[in-house]
Amino acid sequence: MKNTLRTVGFKPGERNIFFHILTACNLSCSHCYINPEQHGTQTLSKEQVVSWLELFVDPEKKSNVIFLGGEPTMHPDLAFSIKKAKELGYFVTVDTNGYLFHDLLERTSPKYLDFLSFSLDGPDSRVNDPIRGEGVFEICVANIKKAVIFGYNVSVIYTVSSENIDHLERMVVLLKSLKVKKFFIQVIGLRGRSVQSVHAPKIQVSREQWLHVVPKVARMAAESGIQVTYPAVFLPENEHFECAGNVAENFFIFPNGRVYQCPLCEDHPIHSYQIEDDLLVKMDGLTEDRFFQLEIEEGCVMNKMLQPDTIEYDGQGRPLYKISCCLLKLEIGGD
C-alpha cells in the first residue's frame, strides 16, 4: 500500500505557514520567485519572527511552519526562531539552498527542526549549476551528507523546468545514496525572476512532458524507499476542482507584512491580509480571495489569468483538461 499513489487532500484543521523571514539570498537562481518590489527587502528581527509566529498558532489545529527566504539560513537568529516555533507547537521545516550559514546544524537540533529541505535542480553540477550557480551542487551535496550524519531528517526539492526535466530520473540514485527521506518535485511557475527572463515562454514544460516523466520518476523513487510528493497540476475533465483558498488554511508571509493565500498571486498587491503592528488585518478591496470564488471550466482561475499558456483547447474552444489548485499534491511511498 505504501507505494500506491494518493492525493493529499486539503486537511480541515491544519495550517501551513510559509514564512519568509527575509528576502536576501547569496544565489541568483534563474527561476527564483522572490520579487523584492512586492515582498520587501527587510530582514525580520527575532522579536518580529516570534510575534508573527504567535499570530498563526491555534491549539485546536495542527500547524506547520516552513522557514523560507531568500535564503533563511542567512538570518542570524534562525536557530532561535526554530526553537521558539517548536515551543509554540509547530511542526518545523527549513528550506535551504544548501549553504547553511551561521553554523545552523550545530546551533539547532533535530529535537527542534523536524525537516531540513535542500534545493537541488540537477543530479550533477553540469545540470544544477547553470540554474542555481557555479559550485552550488558540490556545496549542497556536502551539506546534505553532513546533515544526515548529524541526525536530521533531510528532504530535497527539485523544480522541474525545460532545462532539467530530462535529468529528473537520475535524481533517484543520487537521493538514495544521500539517504534522503523525502523528495518534493515542484512545477516551475512564472513568478519573480522567471517571468522577467527572455526564456520565460519556453521554461515551462508541456503537459505531455510532465505526465510522461514525473509520475514514472516518482514511482521509481518510491520503490527505492523515498517518499515523493508532487503537484497534481492537470486534472481529468470529470474530476472535481477545489481551490485551497476556499477550503484550507495556507498562509504565505513576507517580510513587508503581506500575507497571501495563493502563491500564484505573490507578484501582485492583491494579498488577503497584512500584518500591521503585529496584528493580522484583513484587506479590503480587490484581493485574491475574491477570485477564489469564481468557477471556470479551466479549473484554477489564477492560472487562467497569470499562466494561460499552460491550458490547451479543442476546436470548439473547450479546455482539454483542468488545471488543479497549485497546492493540491500527489504522494507516493513512505510509511
C-alpha atoms as a PDB file:
ATOM      1  CA  MET A   1       0.000   0.000   0.000  1.00  0.00           C
ATOM      2  CA  LYS A   2       2.808   2.430   0.756  1.00  0.00           C
ATOM      3  CA  ASN A   3       3.728   2.737  -2.945  1.00  0.00           C
ATOM      4  CA  THR A   4       0.162   3.478  -4.016  1.00  0.00           C
ATOM      5  CA  LEU A   5      -0.299   6.947  -5.477  1.00  0.00           C
ATOM      6  CA  ARG A   6      -2.614   9.002  -3.293  1.00  0.00           C
ATOM      7  CA  THR A   7      -3.999  12.509  -3.330  1.00  0.00           C
ATOM      8  CA  VAL A   8      -3.013  14.643  -0.357  1.00  0.00           C
ATOM      9  CA  GLY A   9      -6.301  16.433   0.192  1.00  0.00           C
ATOM     10  CA  PHE A  10      -6.740  19.795   1.846  1.00  0.00           C
ATOM     11  CA  LYS A  11      -6.962  18.921   5.505  1.00  0.00           C
ATOM     12  CA  PRO A  12      -9.511  20.648   7.722  1.00  0.00           C
ATOM     13  CA  GLY A  13      -7.964  21.891  10.953  1.00  0.00           C
ATOM     14  CA  GLU A  14      -4.432  22.094   9.545  1.00  0.00           C
ATOM     15  CA  ARG A  15      -2.477  25.295   8.992  1.00  0.00           C
ATOM     16  CA  ASN A  16       0.539  25.635   6.729  1.00  0.00           C
ATOM     17  CA  ILE A  17       2.603  28.754   7.353  1.00  0.00           C
ATOM     18  CA  PHE A  18       5.164  29.563   4.652  1.00  0.00           C
ATOM     19  CA  PHE A  19       7.238  32.159   6.480  1.00  0.00           C
ATOM     20  CA  HIS A  20       9.722  34.266   4.515  1.00  0.00           C
ATOM     21  CA  ILE A  21      11.822  35.798   7.284  1.00  0.00           C
ATOM     22  CA  LEU A  22      13.971  37.726   4.778  1.00  0.00           C
ATOM     23  CA  THR A  23      14.273  38.042   1.008  1.00  0.00           C
ATOM     24  CA  ALA A  24      18.068  38.290   0.741  1.00  0.00           C
ATOM     25  CA  CYS A  25      19.936  35.381  -0.843  1.00  0.00           C
ATOM     26  CA  ASN A  26      23.508  34.550  -1.761  1.00  0.00           C
ATOM     27  CA  LEU A  27      22.381  32.961  -5.049  1.00  0.00           C
ATOM     28  CA  SER A  28      20.620  34.276  -8.157  1.00  0.00           C
ATOM     29  CA  CYS A  29      18.654  31.245  -9.367  1.00  0.00           C
ATOM     30  CA  SER A  30      17.032  31.762 -12.755  1.00  0.00           C
ATOM     31  CA  HIS A  31      13.606  30.634 -11.515  1.00  0.00           C
ATOM     32  CA  CYS A  32      13.553  32.484  -8.164  1.00  0.00           C
ATOM     33  CA  TYR A  33      10.021  33.630  -7.321  1.00  0.00           C
ATOM     34  CA  ILE A  34      11.071  36.351  -4.861  1.00  0.00           C
ATOM     35  CA  ASN A  35      10.040  39.820  -6.026  1.00  0.00           C
ATOM     36  CA  PRO A  36      11.598  42.448  -3.708  1.00  0.00           C
ATOM     37  CA  GLU A  37       9.294  45.154  -5.047  1.00  0.00           C
ATOM     38  CA  GLN A  38       6.285  43.152  -3.871  1.00  0.00           C
ATOM     39  CA  HIS A  39       7.776  41.216  -0.950  1.00  0.00           C
ATOM     40  CA  GLY A  40      10.126  43.754   0.637  1.00  0.00           C
ATOM     41  CA  THR A  41      13.830  43.723   1.369  1.00  0.00           C
ATOM     42  CA  GLN A  42      13.631  43.639   5.153  1.00  0.00           C
ATOM     43  CA  THR A  43      15.136  41.063   7.476  1.00  0.00           C
ATOM     44  CA  LEU A  44      12.728  40.495  10.341  1.00  0.00           C
ATOM     45  CA  SER A  45      14.081  40.810  13.860  1.00  0.00           C
ATOM     46  CA  LYS A  46      13.884  37.757  16.096  1.00  0.00           C
ATOM     47  CA  GLU A  47      11.199  39.550  18.114  1.00  0.00           C
ATOM     48  CA  GLN A  48       9.118  40.060  14.955  1.00  0.00           C
ATOM     49  CA  VAL A  49       9.561  36.440  13.937  1.00  0.00           C
ATOM     50  CA  VAL A  50       8.208  35.200  17.265  1.00  0.00           C
ATOM     51  CA  SER A  51       5.372  37.731  17.324  1.00  0.00           C
ATOM     52  CA  TRP A  52       4.281  36.798  13.807  1.00  0.00           C
ATOM     53  CA  LEU A  53       4.517  33.078  14.581  1.00  0.00           C
ATOM     54  CA  GLU A  54       2.180  33.637  17.516  1.00  0.00           C
ATOM     55  CA  LEU A  55      -0.437  35.119  15.166  1.00  0.00           C
ATOM     56  CA  PHE A  56      -0.946  31.773  13.467  1.00  0.00           C
ATOM     57  CA  VAL A  57      -0.894  29.406  16.437  1.00  0.00           C
ATOM     58  CA  ASP A  58      -4.157  27.596  17.116  1.00  0.00           C
ATOM     59  CA  PRO A  59      -4.159  24.872  19.810  1.00  0.00           C
ATOM     60  CA  GLU A  60      -7.078  23.181  18.058  1.00  0.00           C
ATOM     61  CA  LYS A  61      -5.235  22.807  14.769  1.00  0.00           C
ATOM     62  CA  LYS A  62      -2.036  21.204  13.574  1.00  0.00           C
ATOM     63  CA  SER A  63       0.256  23.976  12.374  1.00  0.00           C
ATOM     64  CA  ASN A  64       3.235  23.502  10.079  1.00  0.00           C
ATOM     65  CA  VAL A  65       5.753  26.291   9.609  1.00  0.00           C
ATOM     66  CA  ILE A  66       8.253  26.360   6.767  1.00  0.00           C
ATOM     67  CA  PHE A  67      11.021  28.942   7.186  1.00  0.00           C
ATOM     68  CA  LEU A  68      11.921  30.435   3.822  1.00  0.00           C
ATOM     69  CA  GLY A  69      13.819  33.311   2.259  1.00  0.00           C
ATOM     70  CA  GLY A  70      15.608  34.326   0.161  1.00  0.00           C
ATOM     71  CA  GLU A  71      17.945  32.015   1.974  1.00  0.00           C
ATOM     72  CA  PRO A  72      16.647  31.613   5.561  1.00  0.00           C
ATOM     73  CA  THR A  73      19.964  30.380   6.967  1.00  0.00           C
ATOM     74  CA  MET A  74      21.389  33.849   6.262  1.00  0.00           C
ATOM     75  CA  HIS A  75      19.212  35.069   9.136  1.00  0.00           C
ATOM     76  CA  PRO A  76      21.452  35.208  12.234  1.00  0.00           C
ATOM     77  CA  ASP A  77      18.556  34.232  14.527  1.00  0.00           C
ATOM     78  CA  LEU A  78      17.154  31.292  12.560  1.00  0.00           C
ATOM     79  CA  ALA A  79      18.226  28.746  15.198  1.00  0.00           C
ATOM     80  CA  PHE A  80      16.492  30.828  17.866  1.00  0.00           C
ATOM     81  CA  SER A  81      13.362  31.067  15.672  1.00  0.00           C
ATOM     82  CA  ILE A  82      13.290  27.301  15.091  1.00  0.00           C
ATOM     83  CA  LYS A  83      13.351  26.626  18.823  1.00  0.00           C
ATOM     84  CA  LYS A  84      10.625  29.180  19.502  1.00  0.00           C
ATOM     85  CA  ALA A  85       8.454  27.721  16.739  1.00  0.00           C
ATOM     86  CA  LYS A  86       8.788  24.251  18.226  1.00  0.00           C
ATOM     87  CA  GLU A  87       7.925  25.609  21.690  1.00  0.00           C
ATOM     88  CA  LEU A  88       4.777  27.139  20.178  1.00  0.00           C
ATOM     89  CA  GLY A  89       3.773  23.691  18.917  1.00  0.00           C
ATOM     90  CA  TYR A  90       4.697  23.945  15.252  1.00  0.00           C
ATOM     91  CA  PHE A  91       5.996  21.130  13.048  1.00  0.00           C
ATOM     92  CA  VAL A  92       9.109  22.915  11.763  1.00  0.00           C
ATOM     93  CA  THR A  93      10.797  22.781   8.348  1.00  0.00           C
ATOM     94  CA  VAL A  94      13.579  24.912   6.880  1.00  0.00           C
ATOM     95  CA  ASP A  95      14.013  25.208   3.116  1.00  0.00           C
ATOM     96  CA  THR A  96      17.617  25.991   2.211  1.00  0.00           C
ATOM     97  CA  ASN A  97      19.790  26.341  -0.872  1.00  0.00           C
ATOM     98  CA  GLY A  98      22.360  24.222   0.948  1.00  0.00           C
ATOM     99  CA  TYR A  99      24.856  26.776   2.194  1.00  0.00           C
ATOM    100  CA  LEU A 100      23.728  26.556   5.844  1.00  0.00           C
ATOM    101  CA  PHE A 101      25.061  29.863   7.081  1.00  0.00           C
ATOM    102  CA  HIS A 102      25.659  30.665  10.769  1.00  0.00           C
ATOM    103  CA  ASP A 103      26.530  27.039  11.604  1.00  0.00           C
ATOM    104  CA  LEU A 104      22.863  26.047  11.582  1.00  0.00           C
ATOM    105  CA  LEU A 105      23.449  22.323  12.069  1.00  0.00           C
ATOM    106  CA  GLU A 106      25.466  22.956  15.221  1.00  0.00           C
ATOM    107  CA  ARG A 107      23.206  25.706  16.612  1.00  0.00           C
ATOM    108  CA  THR A 108      19.905  23.845  16.371  1.00  0.00           C
ATOM    109  CA  SER A 109      18.924  20.196  16.756  1.00  0.00           C
ATOM    110  CA  PRO A 110      16.641  17.518  15.240  1.00  0.00           C
ATOM    111  CA  LYS A 111      14.728  17.908  18.509  1.00  0.00           C
ATOM    112  CA  TYR A 112      13.519  21.293  17.262  1.00  0.00           C
ATOM    113  CA  LEU A 113      13.852  21.031  13.483  1.00  0.00           C
ATOM    114  CA  ASP A 114      11.608  18.312  12.044  1.00  0.00           C
ATOM    115  CA  PHE A 115      12.843  18.504   8.440  1.00  0.00           C
ATOM    116  CA  LEU A 116      15.684  20.238   6.665  1.00  0.00           C
ATOM    117  CA  SER A 117      14.877  20.584   2.980  1.00  0.00           C
ATOM    118  CA  PHE A 118      17.578  21.262   0.369  1.00  0.00           C
ATOM    119  CA  SER A 119      17.009  22.615  -3.138  1.00  0.00           C
ATOM    120  CA  LEU A 120      18.756  20.798  -5.968  1.00  0.00           C
ATOM    121  CA  ASP A 121      17.800  21.213  -9.619  1.00  0.00           C
ATOM    122  CA  GLY A 122      20.020  18.588 -11.162  1.00  0.00           C
ATOM    123  CA  PRO A 123      21.700  15.255 -10.379  1.00  0.00           C
ATOM    124  CA  ASP A 124      25.143  16.740 -11.020  1.00  0.00           C
ATOM    125  CA  SER A 125      26.851  20.108 -11.314  1.00  0.00           C
ATOM    126  CA  ARG A 126      26.506  20.124 -15.093  1.00  0.00           C
ATOM    127  CA  VAL A 127      22.718  20.352 -14.817  1.00  0.00           C
ATOM    128  CA  ASN A 128      22.266  22.054 -11.450  1.00  0.00           C
ATOM    129  CA  ASP A 129      24.841  24.835 -11.531  1.00  0.00           C
ATOM    130  CA  PRO A 130      23.717  26.659 -14.712  1.00  0.00           C
ATOM    131  CA  ILE A 131      20.357  27.070 -12.949  1.00  0.00           C
ATOM    132  CA  ARG A 132      21.456  27.736  -9.366  1.00  0.00           C
ATOM    133  CA  GLY A 133      25.045  28.994  -9.645  1.00  0.00           C
ATOM    134  CA  GLU A 134      28.590  27.763 -10.101  1.00  0.00           C
ATOM    135  CA  GLY A 135      29.772  25.455  -7.329  1.00  0.00           C
ATOM    136  CA  VAL A 136      26.327  25.156  -5.705  1.00  0.00           C
ATOM    137  CA  PHE A 137      25.893  21.435  -6.361  1.00  0.00           C
ATOM    138  CA  GLU A 138      29.096  20.454  -4.589  1.00  0.00           C
ATOM    139  CA  ILE A 139      28.343  22.574  -1.511  1.00  0.00           C
ATOM    140  CA  CYS A 140      24.721  21.490  -1.278  1.00  0.00           C
ATOM    141  CA  VAL A 141      25.507  17.768  -1.536  1.00  0.00           C
ATOM    142  CA  ALA A 142      28.293  18.060   1.039  1.00  0.00           C
ATOM    143  CA  ASN A 143      25.922  19.720   3.495  1.00  0.00           C
ATOM    144  CA  ILE A 144      23.182  17.152   2.853  1.00  0.00           C
ATOM    145  CA  LYS A 145      25.672  14.452   3.857  1.00  0.00           C
ATOM    146  CA  LYS A 146      26.648  16.432   6.935  1.00  0.00           C
ATOM    147  CA  ALA A 147      23.013  16.986   7.963  1.00  0.00           C
ATOM    148  CA  VAL A 148      22.289  13.253   7.690  1.00  0.00           C
ATOM    149  CA  ILE A 149      25.338  12.473   9.863  1.00  0.00           C
ATOM    150  CA  PHE A 150      24.031  14.972  12.434  1.00  0.00           C
ATOM    151  CA  GLY A 151      20.738  13.055  12.549  1.00  0.00           C
ATOM    152  CA  TYR A 152      18.463  15.498  10.723  1.00  0.00           C
ATOM    153  CA  ASN A 153      15.563  14.319   8.572  1.00  0.00           C
ATOM    154  CA  VAL A 154      16.509  15.520   5.092  1.00  0.00           C
ATOM    155  CA  SER A 155      14.360  16.178   2.043  1.00  0.00           C
ATOM    156  CA  VAL A 156      15.202  17.522  -1.400  1.00  0.00           C
ATOM    157  CA  ILE A 157      13.212  19.875  -3.634  1.00  0.00           C
ATOM    158  CA  TYR A 158      13.619  19.714  -7.422  1.00  0.00           C
ATOM    159  CA  THR A 159      11.935  22.404  -9.527  1.00  0.00           C
ATOM    160  CA  VAL A 160      11.126  20.907 -12.907  1.00  0.00           C
ATOM    161  CA  SER A 161      11.638  23.092 -15.970  1.00  0.00           C
ATOM    162  CA  SER A 162      12.538  22.603 -19.609  1.00  0.00           C
ATOM    163  CA  GLU A 163      16.167  22.954 -18.512  1.00  0.00           C
ATOM    164  CA  ASN A 164      16.243  19.869 -16.283  1.00  0.00           C
ATOM    165  CA  ILE A 165      13.232  17.601 -16.808  1.00  0.00           C
ATOM    166  CA  ASP A 166      15.294  15.194 -18.914  1.00  0.00           C
ATOM    167  CA  HIS A 167      17.588  14.630 -15.907  1.00  0.00           C
ATOM    168  CA  LEU A 168      14.927  14.068 -13.237  1.00  0.00           C
ATOM    169  CA  GLU A 169      15.208  10.275 -13.420  1.00  0.00           C
ATOM    170  CA  ARG A 170      18.887  10.390 -12.470  1.00  0.00           C
ATOM    171  CA  MET A 171      17.973  12.039  -9.166  1.00  0.00           C
ATOM    172  CA  VAL A 172      16.723   8.718  -7.762  1.00  0.00           C
ATOM    173  CA  VAL A 173      20.175   7.148  -7.499  1.00  0.00           C
ATOM    174  CA  LEU A 174      21.621  10.327  -6.002  1.00  0.00           C
ATOM    175  CA  LEU A 175      18.867  10.674  -3.376  1.00  0.00           C
ATOM    176  CA  LYS A 176      19.196   7.037  -2.400  1.00  0.00           C
ATOM    177  CA  SER A 177      22.950   7.393  -1.929  1.00  0.00           C
ATOM    178  CA  LEU A 178      22.452  10.535   0.176  1.00  0.00           C
ATOM    179  CA  LYS A 179      19.857   8.821   2.428  1.00  0.00           C
ATOM    180  CA  VAL A 180      17.231  11.449   1.677  1.00  0.00           C
ATOM    181  CA  LYS A 181      13.833  10.600   3.171  1.00  0.00           C
ATOM    182  CA  LYS A 182      11.513  12.817   1.121  1.00  0.00           C
ATOM    183  CA  PHE A 183      11.605  14.133  -2.422  1.00  0.00           C
ATOM    184  CA  PHE A 184       9.485  17.102  -3.469  1.00  0.00           C
ATOM    185  CA  ILE A 185       9.082  17.614  -7.211  1.00  0.00           C
ATOM    186  CA  GLN A 186       7.855  21.130  -7.989  1.00  0.00           C
ATOM    187  CA  VAL A 187       6.448  22.600 -11.161  1.00  0.00           C
ATOM    188  CA  ILE A 188       8.023  25.877 -12.198  1.00  0.00           C
ATOM    189  CA  GLY A 189       5.800  28.947 -12.113  1.00  0.00           C
ATOM    190  CA  LEU A 190       6.181  32.200 -13.998  1.00  0.00           C
ATOM    191  CA  ARG A 191       6.759  34.420 -10.993  1.00  0.00           C
ATOM    192  CA  GLY A 192       9.512  36.696  -9.777  1.00  0.00           C
ATOM    193  CA  ARG A 193      12.739  36.394 -11.764  1.00  0.00           C
ATOM    194  CA  SER A 194      11.481  33.657 -14.114  1.00  0.00           C
ATOM    195  CA  VAL A 195       8.691  35.826 -15.543  1.00  0.00           C
ATOM    196  CA  GLN A 196      11.255  38.543 -16.375  1.00  0.00           C
ATOM    197  CA  SER A 197      13.519  36.147 -18.263  1.00  0.00           C
ATOM    198  CA  VAL A 198      13.671  36.237 -22.062  1.00  0.00           C
ATOM    199  CA  HIS A 199      13.334  32.453 -21.856  1.00  0.00           C
ATOM    200  CA  ALA A 200      10.125  32.595 -19.795  1.00  0.00           C
ATOM    201  CA  PRO A 201       7.762  31.303 -22.530  1.00  0.00           C
ATOM    202  CA  LYS A 202       9.951  28.208 -23.002  1.00  0.00           C
ATOM    203  CA  ILE A 203      10.901  27.404 -19.413  1.00  0.00           C
ATOM    204  CA  GLN A 204       7.672  25.614 -18.501  1.00  0.00           C
ATOM    205  CA  VAL A 205       7.246  22.004 -19.579  1.00  0.00           C
ATOM    206  CA  SER A 206       4.295  20.763 -21.590  1.00  0.00           C
ATOM    207  CA  ARG A 207       1.515  18.615 -20.201  1.00  0.00           C
ATOM    208  CA  GLU A 208       2.816  15.669 -22.224  1.00  0.00           C
ATOM    209  CA  GLN A 209       6.343  16.069 -20.834  1.00  0.00           C
ATOM    210  CA  TRP A 210       5.126  16.353 -17.249  1.00  0.00           C
ATOM    211  CA  LEU A 211       2.821  13.331 -17.410  1.00  0.00           C
ATOM    212  CA  HIS A 212       5.380  11.243 -19.271  1.00  0.00           C
ATOM    213  CA  VAL A 213       8.256  11.892 -16.870  1.00  0.00           C
ATOM    214  CA  VAL A 214       7.160  12.929 -13.374  1.00  0.00           C
ATOM    215  CA  PRO A 215       4.808  10.082 -12.303  1.00  0.00           C
ATOM    216  CA  LYS A 216       7.297   7.497 -13.585  1.00  0.00           C
ATOM    217  CA  VAL A 217      10.206   9.008 -11.657  1.00  0.00           C
ATOM    218  CA  ALA A 218       8.051   9.373  -8.540  1.00  0.00           C
ATOM    219  CA  ARG A 219       7.264   5.659  -8.640  1.00  0.00           C
ATOM    220  CA  MET A 220      10.932   4.780  -9.146  1.00  0.00           C
ATOM    221  CA  ALA A 221      11.902   6.852  -6.112  1.00  0.00           C
ATOM    222  CA  ALA A 222       9.117   5.317  -4.020  1.00  0.00           C
ATOM    223  CA  GLU A 223      10.341   1.843  -4.930  1.00  0.00           C
ATOM    224  CA  SER A 224      13.745   2.944  -3.599  1.00  0.00           C
ATOM    225  CA  GLY A 225      12.186   3.780  -0.237  1.00  0.00           C
ATOM    226  CA  ILE A 226      11.820   7.549  -0.704  1.00  0.00           C
ATOM    227  CA  GLN A 227       8.527   9.351  -0.111  1.00  0.00           C
ATOM    228  CA  VAL A 228       7.690  11.556  -3.095  1.00  0.00           C
ATOM    229  CA  THR A 229       5.287  14.483  -3.242  1.00  0.00           C
ATOM    230  CA  TYR A 230       4.446  16.413  -6.389  1.00  0.00           C
ATOM    231  CA  PRO A 231       1.647  18.714  -7.578  1.00  0.00           C
ATOM    232  CA  ALA A 232      -1.303  17.237  -9.423  1.00  0.00           C
ATOM    233  CA  VAL A 233      -1.149  20.091 -11.993  1.00  0.00           C
ATOM    234  CA  PHE A 234      -3.513  18.547 -14.547  1.00  0.00           C
ATOM    235  CA  LEU A 235      -6.967  17.199 -13.632  1.00  0.00           C
ATOM    236  CA  PRO A 236      -9.037  14.866 -15.802  1.00  0.00           C
ATOM    237  CA  GLU A 237     -12.138  16.538 -17.255  1.00  0.00           C
ATOM    238  CA  ASN A 238     -14.522  14.722 -14.903  1.00  0.00           C
ATOM    239  CA  GLU A 239     -12.502  15.334 -11.713  1.00  0.00           C
ATOM    240  CA  HIS A 240     -13.794  17.944  -9.288  1.00  0.00           C
ATOM    241  CA  PHE A 241     -11.719  21.110  -8.951  1.00  0.00           C
ATOM    242  CA  GLU A 242     -11.181  22.506  -5.480  1.00  0.00           C
ATOM    243  CA  CYS A 243      -9.356  25.706  -4.522  1.00  0.00           C
ATOM    244  CA  ALA A 244      -7.256  25.625  -1.362  1.00  0.00           C
ATOM    245  CA  GLY A 245      -8.099  29.281  -0.825  1.00  0.00           C
ATOM    246  CA  ASN A 246     -11.696  28.241  -0.133  1.00  0.00           C
ATOM    247  CA  VAL A 247     -11.217  25.078   1.921  1.00  0.00           C
ATOM    248  CA  ALA A 248      -7.759  25.152   3.540  1.00  0.00           C
ATOM    249  CA  GLU A 249      -5.552  27.396   5.633  1.00  0.00           C
ATOM    250  CA  ASN A 250      -2.331  28.219   3.826  1.00  0.00           C
ATOM    251  CA  PHE A 251      -0.556  31.474   4.562  1.00  0.00           C
ATOM    252  CA  PHE A 252       2.446  32.855   2.671  1.00  0.00           C
ATOM    253  CA  ILE A 253       4.069  35.549   4.821  1.00  0.00           C
ATOM    254  CA  PHE A 254       6.604  38.074   3.524  1.00  0.00           C
ATOM    255  CA  PRO A 255       8.836  40.443   5.495  1.00  0.00           C
ATOM    256  CA  ASN A 256       6.935  43.542   4.337  1.00  0.00           C
ATOM    257  CA  GLY A 257       3.918  42.129   6.188  1.00  0.00           C
ATOM    258  CA  ARG A 258       1.965  40.871   3.203  1.00  0.00           C
ATOM    259  CA  VAL A 259       0.153  37.583   3.739  1.00  0.00           C
ATOM    260  CA  TYR A 260      -1.133  35.702   0.708  1.00  0.00           C
ATOM    261  CA  GLN A 261      -3.298  32.595   0.499  1.00  0.00           C
ATOM    262  CA  CYS A 262      -2.268  31.655  -3.052  1.00  0.00           C
ATOM    263  CA  PRO A 263       1.363  31.575  -4.230  1.00  0.00           C
ATOM    264  CA  LEU A 264       0.352  32.409  -7.803  1.00  0.00           C
ATOM    265  CA  CYS A 265      -0.748  35.836  -6.580  1.00  0.00           C
ATOM    266  CA  GLU A 266       2.518  36.835  -4.946  1.00  0.00           C
ATOM    267  CA  ASP A 267       3.701  39.087  -7.799  1.00  0.00           C
ATOM    268  CA  HIS A 268       0.697  41.344  -7.293  1.00  0.00           C
ATOM    269  CA  PRO A 269      -0.604  43.593  -4.464  1.00  0.00           C
ATOM    270  CA  ILE A 270      -3.785  41.576  -4.010  1.00  0.00           C
ATOM    271  CA  HIS A 271      -2.845  39.854  -0.741  1.00  0.00           C
ATOM    272  CA  SER A 272      -5.653  38.790   1.593  1.00  0.00           C
ATOM    273  CA  TYR A 273      -4.025  40.020   4.799  1.00  0.00           C
ATOM    274  CA  GLN A 274      -1.436  42.458   6.084  1.00  0.00           C
ATOM    275  CA  ILE A 275       0.472  42.246   9.346  1.00  0.00           C
ATOM    276  CA  GLU A 276       0.357  45.694  10.942  1.00  0.00           C
ATOM    277  CA  ASP A 277       1.679  46.405  14.434  1.00  0.00           C
ATOM    278  CA  ASP A 278       1.888  42.634  14.999  1.00  0.00           C
ATOM    279  CA  LEU A 279      -1.817  42.204  14.196  1.00  0.00           C
ATOM    280  CA  LEU A 280      -3.258  40.247  11.257  1.00  0.00           C
ATOM    281  CA  VAL A 281      -5.501  42.649   9.324  1.00  0.00           C
ATOM    282  CA  LYS A 282      -7.955  41.560   6.599  1.00  0.00           C
ATOM    283  CA  MET A 283      -7.512  43.636   3.462  1.00  0.00           C
ATOM    284  CA  ASP A 284     -10.375  45.420   1.719  1.00  0.00           C
ATOM    285  CA  GLY A 285     -10.922  45.884  -1.991  1.00  0.00           C
ATOM    286  CA  LEU A 286      -9.942  43.595  -4.860  1.00  0.00           C
ATOM    287  CA  THR A 287      -7.956  40.887  -3.097  1.00  0.00           C
ATOM    288  CA  GLU A 288      -7.006  37.377  -4.173  1.00  0.00           C
ATOM    289  CA  ASP A 289      -9.809  35.695  -2.223  1.00  0.00           C
ATOM    290  CA  ARG A 290     -12.383  37.435  -4.433  1.00  0.00           C
ATOM    291  CA  PHE A 291     -11.037  35.400  -7.351  1.00  0.00           C
ATOM    292  CA  PHE A 292     -11.140  32.092  -5.444  1.00  0.00           C
ATOM    293  CA  GLN A 293     -14.947  32.169  -5.624  1.00  0.00           C
ATOM    294  CA  LEU A 294     -15.051  32.096  -9.427  1.00  0.00           C
ATOM    295  CA  GLU A 295     -15.737  28.821 -11.213  1.00  0.00           C
ATOM    296  CA  ILE A 296     -14.415  28.261 -14.720  1.00  0.00           C
ATOM    297  CA  GLU A 297     -14.052  25.230 -16.976  1.00  0.00           C
ATOM    298  CA  GLU A 298     -10.266  25.544 -16.884  1.00  0.00           C
ATOM    299  CA  GLY A 299     -10.122  24.915 -13.113  1.00  0.00           C
ATOM    300  CA  CYS A 300      -7.752  27.343 -11.389  1.00  0.00           C
ATOM    301  CA  VAL A 301      -8.798  30.945 -12.038  1.00  0.00           C
ATOM    302  CA  MET A 302      -5.405  32.368 -11.108  1.00  0.00           C
ATOM    303  CA  ASN A 303      -3.631  30.019 -13.507  1.00  0.00           C
ATOM    304  CA  LYS A 304      -6.003  31.065 -16.294  1.00  0.00           C
ATOM    305  CA  MET A 305      -5.233  34.722 -15.601  1.00  0.00           C
ATOM    306  CA  LEU A 306      -1.486  34.525 -14.971  1.00  0.00           C
ATOM    307  CA  GLN A 307      -0.256  31.440 -16.863  1.00  0.00           C
ATOM    308  CA  PRO A 308      -2.805  30.847 -19.673  1.00  0.00           C
ATOM    309  CA  ASP A 309      -0.250  29.138 -21.929  1.00  0.00           C
ATOM    310  CA  THR A 310      -0.453  26.019 -19.718  1.00  0.00           C
ATOM    311  CA  ILE A 311      -4.007  25.318 -20.968  1.00  0.00           C
ATOM    312  CA  GLU A 312      -4.977  23.697 -24.282  1.00  0.00           C
ATOM    313  CA  TYR A 313      -8.368  23.844 -26.028  1.00  0.00           C
ATOM    314  CA  ASP A 314     -10.247  21.768 -28.576  1.00  0.00           C
ATOM    315  CA  GLY A 315     -11.658  23.052 -31.848  1.00  0.00           C
ATOM    316  CA  GLN A 316     -14.788  24.334 -30.093  1.00  0.00           C
ATOM    317  CA  GLY A 317     -12.794  26.347 -27.556  1.00  0.00           C
ATOM    318  CA  ARG A 318     -13.356  23.934 -24.664  1.00  0.00           C
ATOM    319  CA  PRO A 319     -10.405  23.164 -22.368  1.00  0.00           C
ATOM    320  CA  LEU A 320      -8.946  19.686 -22.884  1.00  0.00           C
ATOM    321  CA  TYR A 321      -8.245  19.394 -19.152  1.00  0.00           C
ATOM    322  CA  LYS A 322      -8.453  21.355 -15.923  1.00  0.00           C
ATOM    323  CA  ILE A 323      -5.526  22.919 -14.111  1.00  0.00           C
ATOM    324  CA  SER A 324      -5.599  21.881 -10.449  1.00  0.00           C
ATOM    325  CA  CYS A 325      -5.013  24.139  -7.494  1.00  0.00           C
ATOM    326  CA  CYS A 326      -1.233  24.514  -7.234  1.00  0.00           C
ATOM    327  CA  LEU A 327      -1.438  23.354  -3.613  1.00  0.00           C
ATOM    328  CA  LEU A 328      -3.100  20.015  -4.451  1.00  0.00           C
ATOM    329  CA  LYS A 329      -0.432  17.323  -4.098  1.00  0.00           C
ATOM    330  CA  LEU A 330       0.010  13.681  -5.026  1.00  0.00           C
ATOM    331  CA  GLU A 331       2.093  11.423  -2.834  1.00  0.00           C
ATOM    332  CA  ILE A 332       3.673   8.019  -3.220  1.00  0.00           C
ATOM    333  CA  GLY A 333       5.959   5.982  -0.983  1.00  0.00           C
ATOM    334  CA  GLY A 334       6.741   6.391   2.691  1.00  0.00           C
ATOM    335  CA  ASP A 335       5.231   4.596   5.651  1.00  0.00           C
END
